[in-house]
Amino acid sequence: MIKSKPDIKSFNKDPNDFLEGGEADKALSKPRPAPVSAAVEETTSYVIEAFKPEPTVQKLFRLRWDIANALKLGAAQESAKTGKRVTETDIIQQLLKKHYNIK
């Protein structure tokens, strides 16, 4: 059975009121309070710098089969041991930092 279209003759609301007057928009338009002190602002900027993403460069290279498998297995074992995801890239970066004395 095919349903009939709903009757919208009694609909008196303006759709722009919905689009422009949403609660999310009202929350975003409220002014945010200023930081309490300079120490808080300094700490906040330090935290932002700590989480700032580093630019990366893609490198593509080939490894011997046994080295590639050892890397994959090592990443999986490290992930299981720490409970956090450890990628093959993380391991390579750690080894290269150690080799080239990079902090």
PDB file of N, CA and C in Angstrom:
ATOM      1  N   MET A   1       0.845  -1.174   0.000  1.00  0.00           N
ATOM      2  CA  MET A   1       0.000   0.000   0.000  1.00  0.00           C
ATOM      3  C   MET A   1       0.890   1.237   0.000  1.00  0.00           C
ATOM      4  N   ILE A   2       0.572   2.182  -0.828  1.00  0.00           N
ATOM      5  CA  ILE A   2       1.334   3.408  -0.954  1.00  0.00           C
ATOM      6  C   ILE A   2       0.767   4.450   0.000  1.00  0.00           C
ATOM      7  N   LYS A   3       1.656   5.070   0.758  1.00  0.00           N
ATOM      8  CA  LYS A   3       1.222   6.123   1.679  1.00  0.00           C
ATOM      9  C   LYS A   3       1.054   7.429   0.921  1.00  0.00           C
ATOM     10  N   SER A   4       0.124   8.228   1.410  1.00  0.00           N
ATOM     11  CA  SER A   4      -0.073   9.541   0.786  1.00  0.00           C
ATOM     12  C   SER A   4       0.912  10.539   1.380  1.00  0.00           C
ATOM     13  N   LYS A   5       1.112  11.622   0.674  1.00  0.00           N
ATOM     14  CA  LYS A   5       2.021  12.652   1.141  1.00  0.00           C
ATOM     15  C   LYS A   5       1.414  13.341   2.359  1.00  0.00           C
ATOM     16  N   PRO A   6       2.268  13.771   3.299  1.00  0.00           N
ATOM     17  CA  PRO A   6       1.728  14.442   4.477  1.00  0.00           C
ATOM     18  C   PRO A   6       1.165  15.822   4.119  1.00  0.00           C
ATOM     19  N   ASP A   7       0.167  16.223   4.873  1.00  0.00           N
ATOM     20  CA  ASP A   7      -0.454  17.526   4.654  1.00  0.00           C
ATOM     21  C   ASP A   7       0.362  18.579   5.400  1.00  0.00           C
ATOM     22  N   ILE A   8       0.935  19.537   4.681  1.00  0.00           N
ATOM     23  CA  ILE A   8       1.763  20.566   5.317  1.00  0.00           C
ATOM     24  C   ILE A   8       1.112  21.948   5.262  1.00  0.00           C
ATOM     25  N   LYS A   9      -0.185  21.994   4.993  1.00  0.00           N
ATOM     26  CA  LYS A   9      -0.895  23.278   4.926  1.00  0.00           C
ATOM     27  C   LYS A   9      -0.891  23.987   6.271  1.00  0.00           C
ATOM     28  N   SER A  10      -0.890  23.229   7.350  1.00  0.00           N
ATOM     29  CA  SER A  10      -0.938  23.844   8.674  1.00  0.00           C
ATOM     30  C   SER A  10       0.462  24.199   9.201  1.00  0.00           C
ATOM     31  N   PHE A  11       1.480  23.958   8.431  1.00  0.00           N
ATOM     32  CA  PHE A  11       2.843  24.253   8.844  1.00  0.00           C
ATOM     33  C   PHE A  11       3.105  25.741   8.649  1.00  0.00           C
ATOM     34  N   ASN A  12       3.272  26.470   9.751  1.00  0.00           N
ATOM     35  CA  ASN A  12       3.410  27.922   9.691  1.00  0.00           C
ATOM     36  C   ASN A  12       4.816  28.407  10.031  1.00  0.00           C
ATOM     37  N   LYS A  13       5.723  27.525  10.367  1.00  0.00           N
ATOM     38  CA  LYS A  13       7.054  27.942  10.799  1.00  0.00           C
ATOM     39  C   LYS A  13       7.937  28.264   9.598  1.00  0.00           C
ATOM     40  N   ASP A  14       8.825  29.230   9.797  1.00  0.00           N
ATOM     41  CA  ASP A  14       9.780  29.610   8.757  1.00  0.00           C
ATOM     42  C   ASP A  14      10.996  28.697   8.864  1.00  0.00           C
ATOM     43  N   PRO A  15      11.398  28.011   7.794  1.00  0.00           N
ATOM     44  CA  PRO A  15      12.554  27.109   7.878  1.00  0.00           C
ATOM     45  C   PRO A  15      13.849  27.838   8.230  1.00  0.00           C
ATOM     46  N   ASN A  16      13.956  29.115   7.903  1.00  0.00           N
ATOM     47  CA  ASN A  16      15.161  29.869   8.242  1.00  0.00           C
ATOM     48  C   ASN A  16      15.319  30.025   9.750  1.00  0.00           C
ATOM     49  N   ASP A  17      14.215  30.066  10.490  1.00  0.00           N
ATOM     50  CA  ASP A  17      14.309  30.135  11.950  1.00  0.00           C
ATOM     51  C   ASP A  17      15.015  28.898  12.494  1.00  0.00           C
ATOM     52  N   PHE A  18      14.730  27.768  11.903  1.00  0.00           N
ATOM     53  CA  PHE A  18      15.378  26.526  12.331  1.00  0.00           C
ATOM     54  C   PHE A  18      16.860  26.539  11.980  1.00  0.00           C
ATOM     55  N   LEU A  19      17.169  26.950  10.748  1.00  0.00           N
ATOM     56  CA  LEU A  19      18.549  26.899  10.285  1.00  0.00           C
ATOM     57  C   LEU A  19      19.438  27.933  10.972  1.00  0.00           C
ATOM     58  N   GLU A  20      18.927  29.106  11.228  1.00  0.00           N
ATOM     59  CA  GLU A  20      19.746  30.172  11.787  1.00  0.00           C
ATOM     60  C   GLU A  20      19.616  30.312  13.295  1.00  0.00           C
ATOM     61  N   GLY A  21      18.662  29.671  13.902  1.00  0.00           N
ATOM     62  CA  GLY A  21      18.444  29.840  15.325  1.00  0.00           C
ATOM     63  C   GLY A  21      18.678  28.582  16.131  1.00  0.00           C
ATOM     64  N   GLY A  22      19.526  27.701  15.638  1.00  0.00           N
ATOM     65  CA  GLY A  22      19.780  26.445  16.324  1.00  0.00           C
ATOM     66  C   GLY A  22      20.533  26.639  17.631  1.00  0.00           C
ATOM     67  N   GLU A  23      20.351  25.720  18.556  1.00  0.00           N
ATOM     68  CA  GLU A  23      21.011  25.784  19.855  1.00  0.00           C
ATOM     69  C   GLU A  23      22.524  25.686  19.722  1.00  0.00           C
ATOM     70  N   ALA A  24      23.000  24.901  18.768  1.00  0.00           N
ATOM     71  CA  ALA A  24      24.445  24.773  18.579  1.00  0.00           C
ATOM     72  C   ALA A  24      25.042  26.106  18.142  1.00  0.00           C
ATOM     73  N   ASP A  25      24.318  26.821  17.263  1.00  0.00           N
ATOM     74  CA  ASP A  25      24.802  28.132  16.826  1.00  0.00           C
ATOM     75  C   ASP A  25      24.809  29.125  17.977  1.00  0.00           C
ATOM     76  N   LYS A  26      23.826  29.044  18.836  1.00  0.00           N
ATOM     77  CA  LYS A  26      23.771  29.955  19.989  1.00  0.00           C
ATOM     78  C   LYS A  26      24.935  29.694  20.931  1.00  0.00           C
ATOM     79  N   ALA A  27      25.275  28.423  21.131  1.00  0.00           N
ATOM     80  CA  ALA A  27      26.380  28.086  22.016  1.00  0.00           C
ATOM     81  C   ALA A  27      27.706  28.565  21.438  1.00  0.00           C
ATOM     82  N   LEU A  28      27.846  28.488  20.129  1.00  0.00           N
ATOM     83  CA  LEU A  28      29.091  28.920  19.500  1.00  0.00           C
ATOM     84  C   LEU A  28      29.232  30.434  19.494  1.00  0.00           C
ATOM     85  N   SER A  29      28.114  31.153  19.459  1.00  0.00           N
ATOM     86  CA  SER A  29      28.186  32.606  19.366  1.00  0.00           C
ATOM     87  C   SER A  29      28.424  33.274  20.724  1.00  0.00           C
ATOM     88  N   LYS A  30      28.334  32.534  21.832  1.00  0.00           N
ATOM     89  CA  LYS A  30      28.579  33.114  23.149  1.00  0.00           C
ATOM     90  C   LYS A  30      30.056  33.444  23.296  1.00  0.00           C
ATOM     91  N   PRO A  31      30.377  34.623  23.867  1.00  0.00           N
ATOM     92  CA  PRO A  31      31.787  34.952  24.073  1.00  0.00           C
ATOM     93  C   PRO A  31      32.400  34.062  25.142  1.00  0.00           C
ATOM     94  N   ARG A  32      33.626  33.651  24.898  1.00  0.00           N
ATOM     95  CA  ARG A  32      34.316  32.798  25.852  1.00  0.00           C
ATOM     96  C   ARG A  32      35.024  33.658  26.874  1.00  0.00           C
ATOM     97  N   PRO A  33      35.090  33.208  28.137  1.00  0.00           N
ATOM     98  CA  PRO A  33      35.781  34.001  29.154  1.00  0.00           C
ATOM     99  C   PRO A  33      37.284  34.022  28.898  1.00  0.00           C
ATOM    100  N   ALA A  34      37.917  35.136  29.283  1.00  0.00           N
ATOM    101  CA  ALA A  34      39.359  35.288  29.126  1.00  0.00           C
ATOM    102  C   ALA A  34      40.071  34.389  30.128  1.00  0.00           C
ATOM    103  N   PRO A  35      41.327  33.968  29.844  1.00  0.00           N
ATOM    104  CA  PRO A  35      42.079  33.159  30.798  1.00  0.00           C
ATOM    105  C   PRO A  35      42.255  33.893  32.126  1.00  0.00           C
ATOM    106  N   VAL A  36      42.300  33.094  33.192  1.00  0.00           N
ATOM    107  CA  VAL A  36      42.352  33.658  34.541  1.00  0.00           C
ATOM    108  C   VAL A  36      43.653  34.389  34.790  1.00  0.00           C
ATOM    109  N   SER A  37      44.768  33.801  34.381  1.00  0.00           N
ATOM    110  CA  SER A  37      46.039  34.456  34.643  1.00  0.00           C
ATOM    111  C   SER A  37      47.007  34.183  33.504  1.00  0.00           C
ATOM    112  N   ALA A  38      48.149  34.880  33.547  1.00  0.00           N
ATOM    113  CA  ALA A  38      49.164  34.698  32.519  1.00  0.00           C
ATOM    114  C   ALA A  38      49.781  33.302  32.603  1.00  0.00           C
ATOM    115  N   ALA A  39      49.867  32.749  33.820  1.00  0.00           N
ATOM    116  CA  ALA A  39      50.443  31.417  33.995  1.00  0.00           C
ATOM    117  C   ALA A  39      49.589  30.368  33.294  1.00  0.00           C
ATOM    118  N   VAL A  40      48.285  30.518  33.384  1.00  0.00           N
ATOM    119  CA  VAL A  40      47.387  29.582  32.710  1.00  0.00           C
ATOM    120  C   VAL A  40      47.562  29.705  31.201  1.00  0.00           C
ATOM    121  N   GLU A  41      47.681  30.935  30.710  1.00  0.00           N
ATOM    122  CA  GLU A  41      47.855  31.149  29.278  1.00  0.00           C
ATOM    123  C   GLU A  41      49.175  30.555  28.800  1.00  0.00           C
ATOM    124  N   GLU A  42      50.241  30.717  29.592  1.00  0.00           N
ATOM    125  CA  GLU A  42      51.535  30.165  29.232  1.00  0.00           C
ATOM    126  C   GLU A  42      51.492  28.642  29.201  1.00  0.00           C
ATOM    127  N   THR A  43      50.852  28.040  30.199  1.00  0.00           N
ATOM    128  CA  THR A  43      50.727  26.588  30.254  1.00  0.00           C
ATOM    129  C   THR A  43      49.916  26.083  29.075  1.00  0.00           C
ATOM    130  N   THR A  44      48.846  26.802  28.743  1.00  0.00           N
ATOM    131  CA  THR A  44      48.005  26.406  27.620  1.00  0.00           C
ATOM    132  C   THR A  44      48.792  26.441  26.320  1.00  0.00           C
ATOM    133  N   SER A  45      49.586  27.494  26.111  1.00  0.00           N
ATOM    134  CA  SER A  45      50.353  27.565  24.875  1.00  0.00           C
ATOM    135  C   SER A  45      51.404  26.459  24.824  1.00  0.00           C
ATOM    136  N   TYR A  46      51.973  26.103  25.972  1.00  0.00           N
ATOM    137  CA  TYR A  46      52.941  25.019  26.016  1.00  0.00           C
ATOM    138  C   TYR A  46      52.278  23.693  25.645  1.00  0.00           C
ATOM    139  N   VAL A  47      51.075  23.463  26.175  1.00  0.00           N
ATOM    140  CA  VAL A  47      50.344  22.227  25.876  1.00  0.00           C
ATOM    141  C   VAL A  47      49.988  22.185  24.396  1.00  0.00           C
ATOM    142  N   ILE A  48      49.591  23.316  23.842  1.00  0.00           N
ATOM    143  CA  ILE A  48      49.250  23.361  22.419  1.00  0.00           C
ATOM    144  C   ILE A  48      50.485  23.046  21.584  1.00  0.00           C
ATOM    145  N   GLU A  49      51.635  23.604  21.957  1.00  0.00           N
ATOM    146  CA  GLU A  49      52.872  23.311  21.239  1.00  0.00           C
ATOM    147  C   GLU A  49      53.229  21.834  21.336  1.00  0.00           C
ATOM    148  N   ALA A  50      52.968  21.219  22.496  1.00  0.00           N
ATOM    149  CA  ALA A  50      53.301  19.812  22.680  1.00  0.00           C
ATOM    150  C   ALA A  50      52.460  18.918  21.771  1.00  0.00           C
ATOM    151  N   PHE A  51      51.217  19.317  21.498  1.00  0.00           N
ATOM    152  CA  PHE A  51      50.336  18.507  20.673  1.00  0.00           C
ATOM    153  C   PHE A  51      50.292  18.971  19.221  1.00  0.00           C
ATOM    154  N   LYS A  52      51.088  19.961  18.881  1.00  0.00           N
ATOM    155  CA  LYS A  52      51.119  20.459  17.516  1.00  0.00           C
ATOM    156  C   LYS A  52      51.699  19.378  16.608  1.00  0.00           C
ATOM    157  N   PRO A  53      51.005  19.032  15.530  1.00  0.00           N
ATOM    158  CA  PRO A  53      51.514  17.959  14.663  1.00  0.00           C
ATOM    159  C   PRO A  53      52.779  18.392  13.932  1.00  0.00           C
ATOM    160  N   GLU A  54      53.705  17.474  13.835  1.00  0.00           N
ATOM    161  CA  GLU A  54      54.950  17.717  13.115  1.00  0.00           C
ATOM    162  C   GLU A  54      54.725  17.406  11.638  1.00  0.00           C
ATOM    163  N   PRO A  55      55.264  18.222  10.752  1.00  0.00           N
ATOM    164  CA  PRO A  55      55.141  17.876   9.334  1.00  0.00           C
ATOM    165  C   PRO A  55      55.947  16.613   9.036  1.00  0.00           C
ATOM    166  N   THR A  56      55.419  15.783   8.197  1.00  0.00           N
ATOM    167  CA  THR A  56      56.091  14.523   7.878  1.00  0.00           C
ATOM    168  C   THR A  56      56.361  14.448   6.384  1.00  0.00           C
ATOM    169  N   VAL A  57      57.310  13.619   6.034  1.00  0.00           N
ATOM    170  CA  VAL A  57      57.682  13.381   4.650  1.00  0.00           C
ATOM    171  C   VAL A  57      57.556  11.884   4.396  1.00  0.00           C
ATOM    172  N   GLN A  58      56.959  11.536   3.285  1.00  0.00           N
ATOM    173  CA  GLN A  58      56.798  10.122   2.964  1.00  0.00           C
ATOM    174  C   GLN A  58      58.088   9.578   2.365  1.00  0.00           C
ATOM    175  N   LYS A  59      58.535   8.450   2.884  1.00  0.00           N
ATOM    176  CA  LYS A  59      59.697   7.745   2.353  1.00  0.00           C
ATOM    177  C   LYS A  59      59.240   6.350   1.963  1.00  0.00           C
ATOM    178  N   LEU A  60      59.635   5.931   0.808  1.00  0.00           N
ATOM    179  CA  LEU A  60      59.268   4.606   0.321  1.00  0.00           C
ATOM    180  C   LEU A  60      60.545   3.834   0.056  1.00  0.00           C
ATOM    181  N   PHE A  61      60.722   2.727   0.780  1.00  0.00           N
ATOM    182  CA  PHE A  61      61.907   1.904   0.573  1.00  0.00           C
ATOM    183  C   PHE A  61      61.554   0.452   0.785  1.00  0.00           C
ATOM    184  N   ARG A  62      62.414  -0.411   0.289  1.00  0.00           N
ATOM    185  CA  ARG A  62      62.170  -1.842   0.347  1.00  0.00           C
ATOM    186  C   ARG A  62      63.077  -2.467   1.395  1.00  0.00           C
ATOM    187  N   LEU A  63      62.534  -3.463   2.105  1.00  0.00           N
ATOM    188  CA  LEU A  63      63.283  -4.205   3.118  1.00  0.00           C
ATOM    189  C   LEU A  63      63.302  -5.681   2.738  1.00  0.00           C
ATOM    190  N   ARG A  64      64.312  -6.371   3.233  1.00  0.00           N
ATOM    191  CA  ARG A  64      64.318  -7.814   3.052  1.00  0.00           C
ATOM    192  C   ARG A  64      63.096  -8.405   3.737  1.00  0.00           C
ATOM    193  N   TRP A  65      62.657  -9.553   3.234  1.00  0.00           N
ATOM    194  CA  TRP A  65      61.453 -10.199   3.734  1.00  0.00           C
ATOM    195  C   TRP A  65      61.546 -10.479   5.227  1.00  0.00           C
ATOM    196  N   ASP A  66      62.667 -11.003   5.722  1.00  0.00           N
ATOM    197  CA  ASP A  66      62.793 -11.362   7.131  1.00  0.00           C
ATOM    198  C   ASP A  66      62.816 -10.109   8.026  1.00  0.00           C
ATOM    199  N   ILE A  67      63.421  -9.025   7.546  1.00  0.00           N
ATOM    200  CA  ILE A  67      63.435  -7.786   8.333  1.00  0.00           C
ATOM    201  C   ILE A  67      62.033  -7.187   8.399  1.00  0.00           C
ATOM    202  N   ALA A  68      61.310  -7.194   7.285  1.00  0.00           N
ATOM    203  CA  ALA A  68      59.948  -6.661   7.250  1.00  0.00           C
ATOM    204  C   ALA A  68      59.026  -7.459   8.183  1.00  0.00           C
ATOM    205  N   ASN A  69      59.171  -8.781   8.195  1.00  0.00           N
ATOM    206  CA  ASN A  69      58.345  -9.602   9.084  1.00  0.00           C
ATOM    207  C   ASN A  69      58.703  -9.380  10.549  1.00  0.00           C
ATOM    208  N   ALA A  70      60.004  -9.221  10.836  1.00  0.00           N
ATOM    209  CA  ALA A  70      60.422  -8.956  12.209  1.00  0.00           C
ATOM    210  C   ALA A  70      59.869  -7.612  12.685  1.00  0.00           C
ATOM    211  N   LEU A  71      59.848  -6.633  11.798  1.00  0.00           N
ATOM    212  CA  LEU A  71      59.302  -5.319  12.136  1.00  0.00           C
ATOM    213  C   LEU A  71      57.807  -5.412  12.424  1.00  0.00           C
ATOM    214  N   LYS A  72      57.086  -6.132  11.579  1.00  0.00           N
ATOM    215  CA  LYS A  72      55.645  -6.292  11.764  1.00  0.00           C
ATOM    216  C   LYS A  72      55.348  -7.033  13.072  1.00  0.00           C
ATOM    217  N   LEU A  73      56.081  -8.105  13.330  1.00  0.00           N
ATOM    218  CA  LEU A  73      55.894  -8.880  14.549  1.00  0.00           C
ATOM    219  C   LEU A  73      56.263  -8.056  15.786  1.00  0.00           C
ATOM    220  N   GLY A  74      57.361  -7.305  15.692  1.00  0.00           N
ATOM    221  CA  GLY A  74      57.779  -6.456  16.809  1.00  0.00           C
ATOM    222  C   GLY A  74      56.751  -5.390  17.138  1.00  0.00           C
ATOM    223  N   ALA A  75      56.141  -4.789  16.119  1.00  0.00           N
ATOM    224  CA  ALA A  75      55.107  -3.781  16.347  1.00  0.00           C
ATOM    225  C   ALA A  75      53.893  -4.402  17.029  1.00  0.00           C
ATOM    226  N   ALA A  76      53.503  -5.590  16.590  1.00  0.00           N
ATOM    227  CA  ALA A  76      52.355  -6.268  17.196  1.00  0.00           C
ATOM    228  C   ALA A  76      52.640  -6.647  18.648  1.00  0.00           C
ATOM    229  N   GLN A  77      53.843  -7.150  18.917  1.00  0.00           N
ATOM    230  CA  GLN A  77      54.198  -7.534  20.284  1.00  0.00           C
ATOM    231  C   GLN A  77      54.265  -6.314  21.205  1.00  0.00           C
ATOM    232  N   GLU A  78      54.832  -5.223  20.704  1.00  0.00           N
ATOM    233  CA  GLU A  78      54.928  -3.999  21.502  1.00  0.00           C
ATOM    234  C   GLU A  78      53.535  -3.438  21.791  1.00  0.00           C
ATOM    235  N   SER A  79      52.652  -3.515  20.822  1.00  0.00           N
ATOM    236  CA  SER A  79      51.271  -3.060  21.016  1.00  0.00           C
ATOM    237  C   SER A  79      50.584  -3.891  22.089  1.00  0.00           C
ATOM    238  N   ALA A  80      50.773  -5.197  22.046  1.00  0.00           N
ATOM    239  CA  ALA A  80      50.155  -6.086  23.035  1.00  0.00           C
ATOM    240  C   ALA A  80      50.741  -5.838  24.427  1.00  0.00           C
ATOM    241  N   LYS A  81      52.043  -5.592  24.494  1.00  0.00           N
ATOM    242  CA  LYS A  81      52.714  -5.402  25.773  1.00  0.00           C
ATOM    243  C   LYS A  81      52.312  -4.085  26.431  1.00  0.00           C
ATOM    244  N   THR A  82      52.247  -3.003  25.651  1.00  0.00           N
ATOM    245  CA  THR A  82      51.958  -1.680  26.219  1.00  0.00           C
ATOM    246  C   THR A  82      50.467  -1.396  26.308  1.00  0.00           C
ATOM    247  N   GLY A  83      49.671  -2.077  25.521  1.00  0.00           N
ATOM    248  CA  GLY A  83      48.236  -1.800  25.509  1.00  0.00           C
ATOM    249  C   GLY A  83      47.895  -0.609  24.633  1.00  0.00           C
ATOM    250  N   LYS A  84      48.877  -0.011  23.993  1.00  0.00           N
ATOM    251  CA  LYS A  84      48.673   1.098  23.062  1.00  0.00           C
ATOM    252  C   LYS A  84      49.113   0.646  21.680  1.00  0.00           C
ATOM    253  N   ARG A  85      48.593   1.296  20.667  1.00  0.00           N
ATOM    254  CA  ARG A  85      48.965   0.938  19.302  1.00  0.00           C
ATOM    255  C   ARG A  85      50.380   1.432  19.018  1.00  0.00           C
ATOM    256  N   VAL A  86      51.234   0.527  18.640  1.00  0.00           N
ATOM    257  CA  VAL A  86      52.596   0.845  18.226  1.00  0.00           C
ATOM    258  C   VAL A  86      52.708   0.452  16.766  1.00  0.00           C
ATOM    259  N   THR A  87      53.043   1.423  15.924  1.00  0.00           N
ATOM    260  CA  THR A  87      53.125   1.149  14.495  1.00  0.00           C
ATOM    261  C   THR A  87      54.554   0.842  14.085  1.00  0.00           C
ATOM    262  N   GLU A  88      54.689   0.297  12.902  1.00  0.00           N
ATOM    263  CA  GLU A  88      56.010   0.029  12.355  1.00  0.00           C
ATOM    264  C   GLU A  88      56.777   1.345  12.179  1.00  0.00           C
ATOM    265  N   THR A  89      56.070   2.400  11.812  1.00  0.00           N
ATOM    266  CA  THR A  89      56.682   3.713  11.658  1.00  0.00           C
ATOM    267  C   THR A  89      57.256   4.203  12.982  1.00  0.00           C
ATOM    268  N   ASP A  90      56.511   3.985  14.071  1.00  0.00           N
ATOM    269  CA  ASP A  90      57.011   4.384  15.395  1.00  0.00           C
ATOM    270  C   ASP A  90      58.336   3.698  15.708  1.00  0.00           C
ATOM    271  N   ILE A  91      58.427   2.430  15.409  1.00  0.00           N
ATOM    272  CA  ILE A  91      59.645   1.674  15.695  1.00  0.00           C
ATOM    273  C   ILE A  91      60.808   2.182  14.831  1.00  0.00           C
ATOM    274  N   ILE A  92      60.546   2.410  13.542  1.00  0.00           N
ATOM    275  CA  ILE A  92      61.590   2.912  12.641  1.00  0.00           C
ATOM    276  C   ILE A  92      62.071   4.279  13.110  1.00  0.00           C
ATOM    277  N   GLN A  93      61.142   5.166  13.487  1.00  0.00           N
ATOM    278  CA  GLN A  93      61.528   6.501  13.960  1.00  0.00           C
ATOM    279  C   GLN A  93      62.364   6.410  15.226  1.00  0.00           C
ATOM    280  N   GLN A  94      61.971   5.543  16.137  1.00  0.00           N
ATOM    281  CA  GLN A  94      62.716   5.373  17.389  1.00  0.00           C
ATOM    282  C   GLN A  94      64.145   4.896  17.102  1.00  0.00           C
ATOM    283  N   LEU A  95      64.288   3.932  16.215  1.00  0.00           N
ATOM    284  CA  LEU A  95      65.616   3.416  15.883  1.00  0.00           C
ATOM    285  C   LEU A  95      66.482   4.466  15.184  1.00  0.00           C
ATOM    286  N   LEU A  96      65.874   5.233  14.274  1.00  0.00           N
ATOM    287  CA  LEU A  96      66.639   6.260  13.569  1.00  0.00           C
ATOM    288  C   LEU A  96      67.041   7.402  14.491  1.00  0.00           C
ATOM    289  N   LYS A  97      66.164   7.771  15.422  1.00  0.00           N
ATOM    290  CA  LYS A  97      66.528   8.804  16.412  1.00  0.00           C
ATOM    291  C   LYS A  97      67.709   8.344  17.268  1.00  0.00           C
ATOM    292  N   LYS A  98      67.670   7.083  17.661  1.00  0.00           N
ATOM    293  CA  LYS A  98      68.766   6.542  18.466  1.00  0.00           C
ATOM    294  C   LYS A  98      70.059   6.487  17.653  1.00  0.00           C
ATOM    295  N   HIS A  99      69.968   6.063  16.402  1.00  0.00           N
ATOM    296  CA  HIS A  99      71.148   5.930  15.547  1.00  0.00           C
ATOM    297  C   HIS A  99      71.799   7.286  15.260  1.00  0.00           C
ATOM    298  N   TYR A 100      70.968   8.312  15.009  1.00  0.00           N
ATOM    299  CA  TYR A 100      71.490   9.631  14.657  1.00  0.00           C
ATOM    300  C   TYR A 100      71.522  10.615  15.835  1.00  0.00           C
ATOM    301  N   ASN A 101      71.273  10.126  17.040  1.00  0.00           N
ATOM    302  CA  ASN A 101      71.281  10.953  18.259  1.00  0.00           C
ATOM    303  C   ASN A 101      70.368  12.174  18.126  1.00  0.00           C
ATOM    304  N   ILE A 102      69.135  11.934  17.728  1.00  0.00           N
ATOM    305  CA  ILE A 102      68.125  12.983  17.584  1.00  0.00           C
ATOM    306  C   ILE A 102      67.192  12.883  18.773  1.00  0.00           C
ATOM    307  N   LYS A 103      66.884  14.021  19.351  1.00  0.00           N
ATOM    308  CA  LYS A 103      65.968  14.029  20.514  1.00  0.00           C
ATOM    309  C   LYS A 103      64.543  13.974  20.073  1.00  0.00           C
TER     310      LYS A 103
END
